[in-house]
Protein backbone atom coordinates (compact mmCIF):
# COMPACT_ATOMS: atom_id res chain seq x y z
CA UNK A 1 0.00 0.00 0.00
CA UNK A 2 1.34 3.43 -0.98
CA UNK A 3 1.34 5.92 1.92
CA UNK A 4 -0.76 9.07 1.49
CA UNK A 5 0.82 12.38 0.57
CA UNK A 6 -0.07 13.58 4.07
CA UNK A 7 1.87 10.77 5.75
CA UNK A 8 4.86 11.26 3.46
CA UNK A 9 4.91 14.99 4.29
CA UNK A 10 4.57 14.38 8.04
CA UNK A 11 7.50 11.98 7.86
CA UNK A 12 9.62 14.47 5.89
CA UNK A 13 8.92 17.37 8.27
CA UNK A 14 9.72 15.20 11.30
CA UNK A 15 12.99 13.99 9.75
CA UNK A 16 13.93 17.52 8.64
CA UNK A 17 13.37 19.08 12.06
CA UNK A 18 15.49 16.39 13.74
CA UNK A 19 18.23 16.58 11.13
CA UNK A 20 18.37 20.38 10.83
CA UNK A 21 17.13 21.69 14.21
CA UNK A 22 18.25 25.27 13.52
CA UNK A 23 16.66 25.54 10.06
CA UNK A 24 12.97 26.33 9.87
CA UNK A 25 10.51 24.51 7.64
CA UNK A 26 6.82 25.28 7.41
CA UNK A 27 3.77 24.03 5.56
CA UNK A 28 1.66 26.10 3.23
CA UNK A 29 -1.94 25.00 3.88
CA UNK A 30 -3.35 25.50 0.38
CA UNK A 31 -4.91 22.06 -0.05
CA UNK A 32 -7.87 20.39 1.53
CA UNK A 33 -11.61 20.69 1.25
CA UNK A 34 -13.28 23.72 2.73
CA UNK A 35 -16.73 25.21 2.71
CA UNK A 36 -17.48 28.04 0.25
CA UNK A 37 -17.37 30.83 2.85
CA UNK A 38 -14.06 29.63 4.29
CA UNK A 39 -12.63 29.34 0.77
CA UNK A 40 -13.63 32.93 -0.01
CA UNK A 41 -12.08 34.17 3.26
CA UNK A 42 -8.81 32.30 2.69
CA UNK A 43 -8.56 33.53 -0.90
CA UNK A 44 -9.06 37.12 0.35
CA UNK A 45 -6.22 36.52 2.85
CA UNK A 46 -3.88 35.52 0.03
CA UNK A 47 -4.11 31.74 -0.18
CA UNK A 48 -3.13 30.76 -3.72
CA UNK A 49 -3.71 27.36 -5.30
CA UNK A 50 -0.61 25.58 -6.55
CA UNK A 51 1.90 26.97 -4.05
CA UNK A 52 4.26 24.14 -3.01
CA UNK A 53 3.48 22.30 0.22
CA UNK A 54 6.59 23.19 2.24
CA UNK A 55 9.04 26.07 2.46
CA UNK A 56 12.55 26.31 3.92
CA UNK A 57 13.15 30.10 3.84
CA UNK A 58 16.86 29.99 4.80
CA UNK A 59 17.59 27.87 1.74
CA UNK A 60 15.06 29.51 -0.62
CA UNK A 61 13.73 25.97 -0.99
CA UNK A 62 10.19 24.85 -1.73
CA UNK A 63 8.97 21.25 -1.67
CA UNK A 64 5.93 19.96 -3.50
CA UNK A 65 5.07 16.59 -1.96
CA UNK A 66 3.51 13.78 -3.94
CA UNK A 67 2.85 10.12 -3.21
CA UNK A 68 5.50 7.65 -4.34
CA UNK A 69 3.23 6.67 -7.21
CA UNK A 70 0.21 8.30 -8.74
CA UNK A 71 0.82 11.91 -7.71
CA UNK A 72 0.50 14.40 -10.54
CA UNK A 73 1.80 17.98 -10.66
CA UNK A 74 -1.11 20.12 -11.82
CA UNK A 75 -0.78 22.96 -14.35
CA UNK A 76 -1.19 25.59 -11.60
CA UNK A 77 1.52 23.84 -9.53
CA UNK A 78 3.82 23.79 -12.58
CA UNK A 79 3.20 27.52 -13.03
CA UNK A 80 4.20 28.22 -9.39
CA UNK A 81 7.29 26.01 -9.72
CA UNK A 82 8.39 27.89 -12.85
CA UNK A 83 7.75 31.24 -11.17
CA UNK A 84 9.73 30.34 -8.04
CA UNK A 85 12.63 28.97 -10.07
CA UNK A 86 12.53 32.09 -12.23
CA UNK A 87 13.15 34.30 -9.19
CA UNK A 88 16.07 32.16 -8.03
CA UNK A 89 14.40 29.78 -5.60
CA UNK A 90 14.92 26.02 -5.56
CA UNK A 91 11.93 23.73 -5.96
CA UNK A 92 11.80 19.97 -5.68
CA UNK A 93 8.93 17.62 -6.28
CA UNK A 94 9.34 14.86 -3.71
CA UNK A 95 7.73 11.60 -4.77
CA UNK A 96 7.45 10.24 -1.27
CA UNK A 97 9.57 10.81 1.82
CA UNK A 98 12.73 9.06 0.58
CA UNK A 99 12.77 10.98 -2.71
CA UNK A 100 12.22 14.33 -0.98
CA UNK A 101 14.87 13.56 1.64
CA UNK A 102 17.48 12.91 -1.05
């Protein structure tokens, strides 16, 4: 059974924080299902679809997590990846914990 994207991301964040205790990593909560009013409020606050799942500001690094198999990078995610790379940031698409860790 292939672990969910959520479990892969939880594992990566846990490993990262133990391995690099002085480097901050945070999640960007753009995914998930929300009611219409909450979606409108979050959009007004600046939530943007397609932004990668994790950010490591000190390294200008963004991580888009996917399952080991079956995860697809959407067109809006590709657009964000190209934008971030275009302004000098690093972006990886981690296909599971082990891939993202490497």
